[in-house]
Amino acid sequence: MAIIEDIRDGWGWTGINPFEVVGENDFGNLLVRDARGNYWRICPEDLYCRVIATDRDELDALYRDQEFLGDWHMNRLVEDAERHLGPLEPGRKYCLKIPGTLGGEYGGNNLASITLAELIRASGHIARQLEGLPDGSKVSLRITE
């Protein structure tokens, strides 16, 4: 599956060894089972990839947690994106032009759409460059082709 390679390329530096994508939302957040049976969440808008459950029972418990589900479904942000951009085209996800971690607004003119592969790769590469920087560090984004 191509998305597994995109995860490896963008986020492999975190230690994730992706085996299977078990969930995705309209903003390209992924729930990924790794080769050891851990479950990771990749959150492109907040530039993180981390273990959220160590087995299926823990993941099922999260699926019953209303706070987790509210954060996962992102209903308000999805509604805002649909209002500004229209419905998603096949193969695309909504995204923040400037990730929230870098001060980007969660809505409005900071919304766009992108392919899932581009989103996963780009967010992972940005996160890697920011890894270890203290909060409040000044950063400069350069877009290259």
N, C-alpha and C. Protein backbone atom coordinates (compact mmCIF):
# COMPACT_ATOMS: atom_id res chain seq x y z
N MET A 1 0.85 -1.17 0.00
CA MET A 1 0.00 0.00 0.00
C MET A 1 0.90 1.24 0.00
N ALA A 2 0.64 2.16 -0.89
CA ALA A 2 1.47 3.35 -1.07
C ALA A 2 1.50 4.23 0.18
N ILE A 3 0.40 4.33 0.90
CA ILE A 3 0.37 5.21 2.07
C ILE A 3 1.35 4.73 3.14
N ILE A 4 1.59 3.45 3.22
CA ILE A 4 2.57 2.91 4.18
C ILE A 4 3.95 3.47 3.86
N GLU A 5 4.30 3.52 2.59
CA GLU A 5 5.59 4.09 2.19
C GLU A 5 5.64 5.59 2.47
N ASP A 6 4.52 6.29 2.28
CA ASP A 6 4.47 7.72 2.59
C ASP A 6 4.70 7.95 4.09
N ILE A 7 4.12 7.09 4.92
CA ILE A 7 4.31 7.19 6.37
C ILE A 7 5.77 6.94 6.72
N ARG A 8 6.34 5.89 6.14
CA ARG A 8 7.77 5.60 6.39
C ARG A 8 8.65 6.77 5.99
N ASP A 9 8.38 7.34 4.82
CA ASP A 9 9.20 8.44 4.32
C ASP A 9 9.05 9.69 5.18
N GLY A 10 7.82 10.03 5.52
CA GLY A 10 7.59 11.26 6.27
C GLY A 10 7.83 11.16 7.77
N TRP A 11 7.47 10.02 8.34
CA TRP A 11 7.46 9.91 9.80
C TRP A 11 8.32 8.78 10.36
N GLY A 12 9.02 8.03 9.53
CA GLY A 12 9.83 6.92 10.00
C GLY A 12 10.85 7.31 11.05
N TRP A 13 11.32 8.54 11.00
CA TRP A 13 12.31 9.03 11.96
C TRP A 13 11.79 9.00 13.39
N THR A 14 10.46 8.91 13.59
CA THR A 14 9.89 8.87 14.95
C THR A 14 9.99 7.48 15.57
N GLY A 15 10.32 6.48 14.76
CA GLY A 15 10.36 5.11 15.24
C GLY A 15 9.18 4.28 14.79
N ILE A 16 8.21 4.89 14.13
CA ILE A 16 7.06 4.13 13.65
C ILE A 16 7.50 3.18 12.54
N ASN A 17 7.02 1.94 12.63
CA ASN A 17 7.23 0.94 11.59
C ASN A 17 5.83 0.52 11.14
N PRO A 18 5.23 1.32 10.23
CA PRO A 18 3.81 1.12 9.90
C PRO A 18 3.53 -0.21 9.23
N PHE A 19 2.43 -0.81 9.66
CA PHE A 19 1.98 -2.08 9.07
C PHE A 19 0.64 -1.90 8.36
N GLU A 20 -0.28 -1.14 9.02
CA GLU A 20 -1.63 -1.01 8.49
C GLU A 20 -2.26 0.29 8.97
N VAL A 21 -2.92 1.00 8.06
CA VAL A 21 -3.71 2.17 8.44
C VAL A 21 -5.09 1.65 8.83
N VAL A 22 -5.51 1.95 10.07
CA VAL A 22 -6.80 1.45 10.56
C VAL A 22 -7.85 2.54 10.66
N GLY A 23 -7.45 3.79 10.43
CA GLY A 23 -8.41 4.89 10.46
C GLY A 23 -7.81 6.15 9.87
N GLU A 24 -8.68 6.97 9.30
CA GLU A 24 -8.26 8.28 8.80
C GLU A 24 -9.44 9.23 8.89
N ASN A 25 -9.14 10.51 9.04
CA ASN A 25 -10.21 11.50 9.07
C ASN A 25 -10.04 12.49 7.92
N ASP A 26 -10.94 13.45 7.84
CA ASP A 26 -10.94 14.39 6.71
C ASP A 26 -9.77 15.36 6.71
N PHE A 27 -9.03 15.45 7.82
CA PHE A 27 -7.83 16.29 7.88
C PHE A 27 -6.55 15.46 7.79
N GLY A 28 -6.67 14.23 7.33
CA GLY A 28 -5.49 13.42 7.09
C GLY A 28 -4.83 12.86 8.34
N ASN A 29 -5.52 12.94 9.49
CA ASN A 29 -5.02 12.25 10.67
C ASN A 29 -5.15 10.76 10.41
N LEU A 30 -4.14 10.02 10.77
CA LEU A 30 -4.15 8.58 10.55
C LEU A 30 -4.00 7.84 11.86
N LEU A 31 -4.68 6.72 11.97
CA LEU A 31 -4.44 5.74 13.03
C LEU A 31 -3.74 4.57 12.35
N VAL A 32 -2.55 4.26 12.85
CA VAL A 32 -1.68 3.29 12.18
C VAL A 32 -1.27 2.21 13.18
N ARG A 33 -1.46 0.96 12.78
CA ARG A 33 -0.95 -0.16 13.57
C ARG A 33 0.45 -0.46 13.08
N ASP A 34 1.37 -0.57 14.03
CA ASP A 34 2.75 -0.87 13.65
C ASP A 34 3.01 -2.38 13.68
N ALA A 35 4.20 -2.75 13.32
CA ALA A 35 4.56 -4.17 13.23
C ALA A 35 4.51 -4.89 14.58
N ARG A 36 4.57 -4.13 15.68
CA ARG A 36 4.52 -4.73 17.03
C ARG A 36 3.12 -4.74 17.62
N GLY A 37 2.15 -4.15 16.93
CA GLY A 37 0.78 -4.12 17.43
C GLY A 37 0.43 -2.85 18.18
N ASN A 38 1.34 -1.87 18.24
CA ASN A 38 1.02 -0.57 18.82
C ASN A 38 0.20 0.25 17.82
N TYR A 39 -0.57 1.18 18.34
CA TYR A 39 -1.37 2.07 17.48
C TYR A 39 -0.87 3.50 17.65
N TRP A 40 -0.58 4.13 16.54
CA TRP A 40 -0.03 5.48 16.49
C TRP A 40 -1.07 6.42 15.88
N ARG A 41 -1.01 7.66 16.29
CA ARG A 41 -1.80 8.70 15.63
C ARG A 41 -0.83 9.67 14.97
N ILE A 42 -1.04 9.88 13.69
CA ILE A 42 -0.32 10.91 12.96
C ILE A 42 -1.28 12.09 12.83
N CYS A 43 -0.84 13.24 13.32
CA CYS A 43 -1.67 14.44 13.35
C CYS A 43 -0.94 15.55 12.58
N PRO A 44 -1.18 15.66 11.27
CA PRO A 44 -0.44 16.63 10.46
C PRO A 44 -0.60 18.08 10.89
N GLU A 45 -1.78 18.47 11.35
CA GLU A 45 -1.99 19.88 11.69
C GLU A 45 -1.24 20.29 12.96
N ASP A 46 -0.91 19.32 13.80
CA ASP A 46 -0.15 19.61 15.02
C ASP A 46 1.24 18.99 14.98
N LEU A 47 1.60 18.42 13.84
CA LEU A 47 2.95 17.91 13.58
C LEU A 47 3.43 16.89 14.61
N TYR A 48 2.57 15.89 14.89
CA TYR A 48 3.05 14.82 15.76
C TYR A 48 2.65 13.44 15.25
N CYS A 49 3.42 12.47 15.69
CA CYS A 49 3.20 11.05 15.41
C CYS A 49 3.60 10.33 16.69
N ARG A 50 2.62 9.74 17.39
CA ARG A 50 2.95 9.09 18.65
C ARG A 50 2.00 7.93 18.94
N VAL A 51 2.49 7.04 19.77
CA VAL A 51 1.69 5.88 20.18
C VAL A 51 0.53 6.38 21.05
N ILE A 52 -0.68 5.92 20.71
CA ILE A 52 -1.85 6.27 21.52
C ILE A 52 -2.47 5.05 22.18
N ALA A 53 -2.06 3.85 21.74
CA ALA A 53 -2.57 2.61 22.34
C ALA A 53 -1.55 1.51 22.08
N THR A 54 -1.37 0.64 23.07
CA THR A 54 -0.40 -0.44 22.92
C THR A 54 -1.01 -1.76 22.47
N ASP A 55 -2.35 -1.79 22.34
CA ASP A 55 -3.01 -2.98 21.81
C ASP A 55 -4.43 -2.60 21.38
N ARG A 56 -5.14 -3.55 20.81
CA ARG A 56 -6.49 -3.27 20.27
C ARG A 56 -7.47 -2.90 21.37
N ASP A 57 -7.35 -3.50 22.55
CA ASP A 57 -8.26 -3.17 23.65
C ASP A 57 -8.12 -1.70 24.04
N GLU A 58 -6.89 -1.19 24.11
CA GLU A 58 -6.69 0.23 24.44
C GLU A 58 -7.25 1.12 23.34
N LEU A 59 -7.09 0.72 22.08
CA LEU A 59 -7.65 1.50 20.98
C LEU A 59 -9.17 1.51 21.06
N ASP A 60 -9.77 0.35 21.33
CA ASP A 60 -11.23 0.28 21.46
C ASP A 60 -11.73 1.18 22.58
N ALA A 61 -10.97 1.27 23.68
CA ALA A 61 -11.35 2.15 24.78
C ALA A 61 -11.32 3.61 24.32
N LEU A 62 -10.36 3.98 23.49
CA LEU A 62 -10.32 5.34 22.96
C LEU A 62 -11.54 5.62 22.09
N TYR A 63 -11.96 4.63 21.31
CA TYR A 63 -13.14 4.79 20.46
C TYR A 63 -14.42 5.00 21.27
N ARG A 64 -14.38 4.68 22.55
CA ARG A 64 -15.54 4.91 23.42
C ARG A 64 -15.40 6.22 24.20
N ASP A 65 -14.25 6.87 24.13
CA ASP A 65 -13.98 8.10 24.87
C ASP A 65 -14.46 9.31 24.07
N GLN A 66 -15.45 10.04 24.61
CA GLN A 66 -16.04 11.15 23.88
C GLN A 66 -15.05 12.28 23.58
N GLU A 67 -14.12 12.52 24.50
CA GLU A 67 -13.13 13.57 24.27
C GLU A 67 -12.23 13.19 23.09
N PHE A 68 -11.77 11.94 23.07
CA PHE A 68 -10.95 11.48 21.96
C PHE A 68 -11.74 11.57 20.65
N LEU A 69 -12.98 11.09 20.65
CA LEU A 69 -13.78 11.10 19.43
C LEU A 69 -14.03 12.51 18.92
N GLY A 70 -14.27 13.46 19.82
CA GLY A 70 -14.45 14.85 19.41
C GLY A 70 -13.20 15.39 18.74
N ASP A 71 -12.05 15.09 19.34
CA ASP A 71 -10.78 15.53 18.77
C ASP A 71 -10.51 14.82 17.44
N TRP A 72 -10.84 13.56 17.36
CA TRP A 72 -10.58 12.78 16.16
C TRP A 72 -11.45 13.24 14.98
N HIS A 73 -12.74 13.42 15.21
CA HIS A 73 -13.64 13.76 14.10
C HIS A 73 -13.52 15.22 13.65
N MET A 74 -13.08 16.10 14.54
CA MET A 74 -12.83 17.50 14.19
C MET A 74 -14.03 18.15 13.48
N ASN A 75 -15.23 17.89 14.00
CA ASN A 75 -16.45 18.31 13.30
C ASN A 75 -16.50 19.79 12.97
N ARG A 76 -16.18 20.65 13.92
CA ARG A 76 -16.24 22.09 13.64
C ARG A 76 -15.27 22.50 12.55
N LEU A 77 -14.06 21.98 12.61
CA LEU A 77 -13.05 22.33 11.62
C LEU A 77 -13.42 21.77 10.25
N VAL A 78 -13.97 20.57 10.20
CA VAL A 78 -14.42 19.99 8.94
C VAL A 78 -15.56 20.84 8.36
N GLU A 79 -16.50 21.25 9.19
CA GLU A 79 -17.59 22.10 8.71
C GLU A 79 -17.06 23.42 8.17
N ASP A 80 -16.10 24.02 8.86
CA ASP A 80 -15.49 25.26 8.40
C ASP A 80 -14.80 25.05 7.06
N ALA A 81 -14.07 23.96 6.93
CA ALA A 81 -13.37 23.66 5.67
C ALA A 81 -14.36 23.43 4.53
N GLU A 82 -15.43 22.71 4.81
CA GLU A 82 -16.44 22.48 3.78
C GLU A 82 -17.07 23.80 3.33
N ARG A 83 -17.30 24.69 4.28
CA ARG A 83 -17.88 26.01 3.97
C ARG A 83 -16.93 26.83 3.09
N HIS A 84 -15.65 26.82 3.41
CA HIS A 84 -14.67 27.63 2.68
C HIS A 84 -14.21 26.99 1.37
N LEU A 85 -14.11 25.67 1.35
CA LEU A 85 -13.47 24.99 0.22
C LEU A 85 -14.38 24.06 -0.57
N GLY A 86 -15.54 23.78 -0.01
CA GLY A 86 -16.42 22.81 -0.65
C GLY A 86 -16.06 21.40 -0.23
N PRO A 87 -16.80 20.43 -0.75
CA PRO A 87 -16.54 19.05 -0.36
C PRO A 87 -15.19 18.57 -0.88
N LEU A 88 -14.63 17.60 -0.19
CA LEU A 88 -13.35 17.03 -0.60
C LEU A 88 -13.49 16.27 -1.91
N GLU A 89 -12.50 16.45 -2.76
CA GLU A 89 -12.42 15.64 -3.97
C GLU A 89 -11.78 14.30 -3.60
N PRO A 90 -12.03 13.27 -4.39
CA PRO A 90 -11.43 11.96 -4.09
C PRO A 90 -9.91 12.05 -3.98
N GLY A 91 -9.37 11.39 -2.95
CA GLY A 91 -7.93 11.34 -2.75
C GLY A 91 -7.34 12.56 -2.05
N ARG A 92 -8.19 13.51 -1.66
CA ARG A 92 -7.68 14.73 -1.02
C ARG A 92 -8.18 14.82 0.42
N LYS A 93 -7.45 15.60 1.20
CA LYS A 93 -7.79 15.87 2.60
C LYS A 93 -7.71 17.36 2.83
N TYR A 94 -8.44 17.84 3.82
CA TYR A 94 -8.28 19.22 4.25
C TYR A 94 -6.97 19.32 5.03
N CYS A 95 -6.43 20.53 5.09
CA CYS A 95 -5.21 20.75 5.86
C CYS A 95 -5.13 22.21 6.28
N LEU A 96 -4.21 22.48 7.19
CA LEU A 96 -3.87 23.85 7.54
C LEU A 96 -2.67 24.24 6.70
N LYS A 97 -2.73 25.40 6.06
CA LYS A 97 -1.59 25.87 5.25
C LYS A 97 -0.37 26.04 6.15
N ILE A 98 -0.57 26.64 7.31
CA ILE A 98 0.48 26.76 8.32
C ILE A 98 0.03 25.92 9.50
N PRO A 99 0.81 24.89 9.86
CA PRO A 99 0.39 24.01 10.96
C PRO A 99 0.15 24.79 12.25
N GLY A 100 -0.77 24.28 13.06
CA GLY A 100 -1.09 24.91 14.34
C GLY A 100 0.12 25.07 15.23
N THR A 101 1.02 24.11 15.18
CA THR A 101 2.25 24.16 15.98
C THR A 101 3.07 25.40 15.67
N LEU A 102 2.95 25.88 14.43
CA LEU A 102 3.70 27.07 14.01
C LEU A 102 2.86 28.34 14.08
N GLY A 103 1.72 28.25 14.77
CA GLY A 103 0.89 29.43 14.97
C GLY A 103 -0.21 29.60 13.95
N GLY A 104 -0.39 28.62 13.08
CA GLY A 104 -1.44 28.71 12.07
C GLY A 104 -2.82 28.65 12.69
N GLU A 105 -3.73 29.42 12.13
CA GLU A 105 -5.12 29.47 12.58
C GLU A 105 -5.82 28.16 12.23
N TYR A 106 -6.70 27.72 13.12
CA TYR A 106 -7.49 26.51 12.89
C TYR A 106 -8.78 26.90 12.19
N GLY A 107 -8.66 27.30 10.94
CA GLY A 107 -9.83 27.65 10.16
C GLY A 107 -9.57 28.82 9.24
N GLY A 108 -10.67 29.33 8.66
CA GLY A 108 -10.61 30.52 7.83
C GLY A 108 -9.67 30.42 6.65
N ASN A 109 -8.87 31.45 6.47
CA ASN A 109 -7.96 31.53 5.32
C ASN A 109 -6.76 30.60 5.44
N ASN A 110 -6.61 29.90 6.54
CA ASN A 110 -5.50 28.97 6.70
C ASN A 110 -5.86 27.56 6.25
N LEU A 111 -7.04 27.39 5.66
CA LEU A 111 -7.49 26.07 5.22
C LEU A 111 -7.18 25.85 3.75
N ALA A 112 -6.87 24.61 3.42
CA ALA A 112 -6.62 24.22 2.03
C ALA A 112 -6.93 22.74 1.91
N SER A 113 -6.73 22.20 0.72
CA SER A 113 -6.81 20.75 0.55
C SER A 113 -5.56 20.29 -0.18
N ILE A 114 -5.23 19.02 0.01
CA ILE A 114 -3.97 18.45 -0.47
C ILE A 114 -4.18 16.94 -0.58
N THR A 115 -3.35 16.29 -1.36
CA THR A 115 -3.45 14.82 -1.39
C THR A 115 -2.95 14.28 -0.05
N LEU A 116 -3.46 13.13 0.33
CA LEU A 116 -3.04 12.52 1.59
C LEU A 116 -1.54 12.23 1.58
N ALA A 117 -1.03 11.73 0.47
CA ALA A 117 0.40 11.42 0.39
C ALA A 117 1.24 12.66 0.63
N GLU A 118 0.90 13.77 -0.03
CA GLU A 118 1.66 15.01 0.15
C GLU A 118 1.58 15.50 1.58
N LEU A 119 0.39 15.41 2.17
CA LEU A 119 0.20 15.88 3.54
C LEU A 119 1.04 15.07 4.53
N ILE A 120 1.03 13.77 4.40
CA ILE A 120 1.77 12.91 5.32
C ILE A 120 3.28 13.12 5.17
N ARG A 121 3.75 13.18 3.96
CA ARG A 121 5.19 13.38 3.73
C ARG A 121 5.64 14.77 4.19
N ALA A 122 4.91 15.80 3.79
CA ALA A 122 5.32 17.17 4.12
C ALA A 122 5.28 17.42 5.63
N SER A 123 4.19 17.00 6.28
CA SER A 123 4.08 17.26 7.73
C SER A 123 5.18 16.52 8.49
N GLY A 124 5.51 15.31 8.07
CA GLY A 124 6.58 14.57 8.72
C GLY A 124 7.94 15.24 8.55
N HIS A 125 8.19 15.75 7.36
CA HIS A 125 9.47 16.42 7.11
C HIS A 125 9.58 17.73 7.90
N ILE A 126 8.48 18.46 7.99
CA ILE A 126 8.48 19.70 8.79
C ILE A 126 8.70 19.36 10.26
N ALA A 127 7.96 18.36 10.76
CA ALA A 127 8.09 17.97 12.17
C ALA A 127 9.53 17.56 12.50
N ARG A 128 10.16 16.86 11.57
CA ARG A 128 11.54 16.42 11.83
C ARG A 128 12.48 17.61 11.97
N GLN A 129 12.26 18.63 11.16
CA GLN A 129 13.12 19.81 11.23
C GLN A 129 12.90 20.59 12.52
N LEU A 130 11.71 20.47 13.09
CA LEU A 130 11.39 21.20 14.33
C LEU A 130 11.74 20.41 15.58
N GLU A 131 11.99 19.10 15.41
CA GLU A 131 12.26 18.22 16.55
C GLU A 131 13.38 18.78 17.42
N GLY A 132 13.10 18.89 18.70
CA GLY A 132 14.11 19.33 19.66
C GLY A 132 14.24 20.83 19.83
N LEU A 133 13.54 21.61 19.01
CA LEU A 133 13.61 23.06 19.19
C LEU A 133 12.81 23.45 20.43
N PRO A 134 13.32 24.36 21.24
CA PRO A 134 12.55 24.81 22.40
C PRO A 134 11.31 25.58 21.98
N ASP A 135 10.26 25.53 22.80
CA ASP A 135 9.06 26.32 22.54
C ASP A 135 9.45 27.78 22.38
N GLY A 136 8.81 28.45 21.44
CA GLY A 136 9.08 29.86 21.21
C GLY A 136 10.22 30.12 20.25
N SER A 137 10.87 29.08 19.76
CA SER A 137 11.96 29.27 18.80
C SER A 137 11.43 29.92 17.54
N LYS A 138 12.24 30.76 16.94
CA LYS A 138 11.86 31.37 15.67
C LYS A 138 12.26 30.41 14.57
N VAL A 139 11.33 30.23 13.63
CA VAL A 139 11.60 29.36 12.48
C VAL A 139 11.28 30.13 11.21
N SER A 140 11.88 29.67 10.14
CA SER A 140 11.66 30.26 8.83
C SER A 140 11.31 29.12 7.88
N LEU A 141 10.16 29.20 7.22
CA LEU A 141 9.76 28.17 6.28
C LEU A 141 10.23 28.56 4.88
N ARG A 142 10.86 27.61 4.21
CA ARG A 142 11.23 27.79 2.80
C ARG A 142 10.56 26.69 2.02
N ILE A 143 9.82 27.07 1.00
CA ILE A 143 9.14 26.10 0.15
C ILE A 143 10.03 25.83 -1.05
N THR A 144 10.34 24.56 -1.26
CA THR A 144 11.16 24.16 -2.41
C THR A 144 10.42 23.09 -3.18
N GLU A 145 10.77 22.94 -4.42
CA GLU A 145 10.14 21.90 -5.23
C GLU A 145 11.01 20.69 -5.31
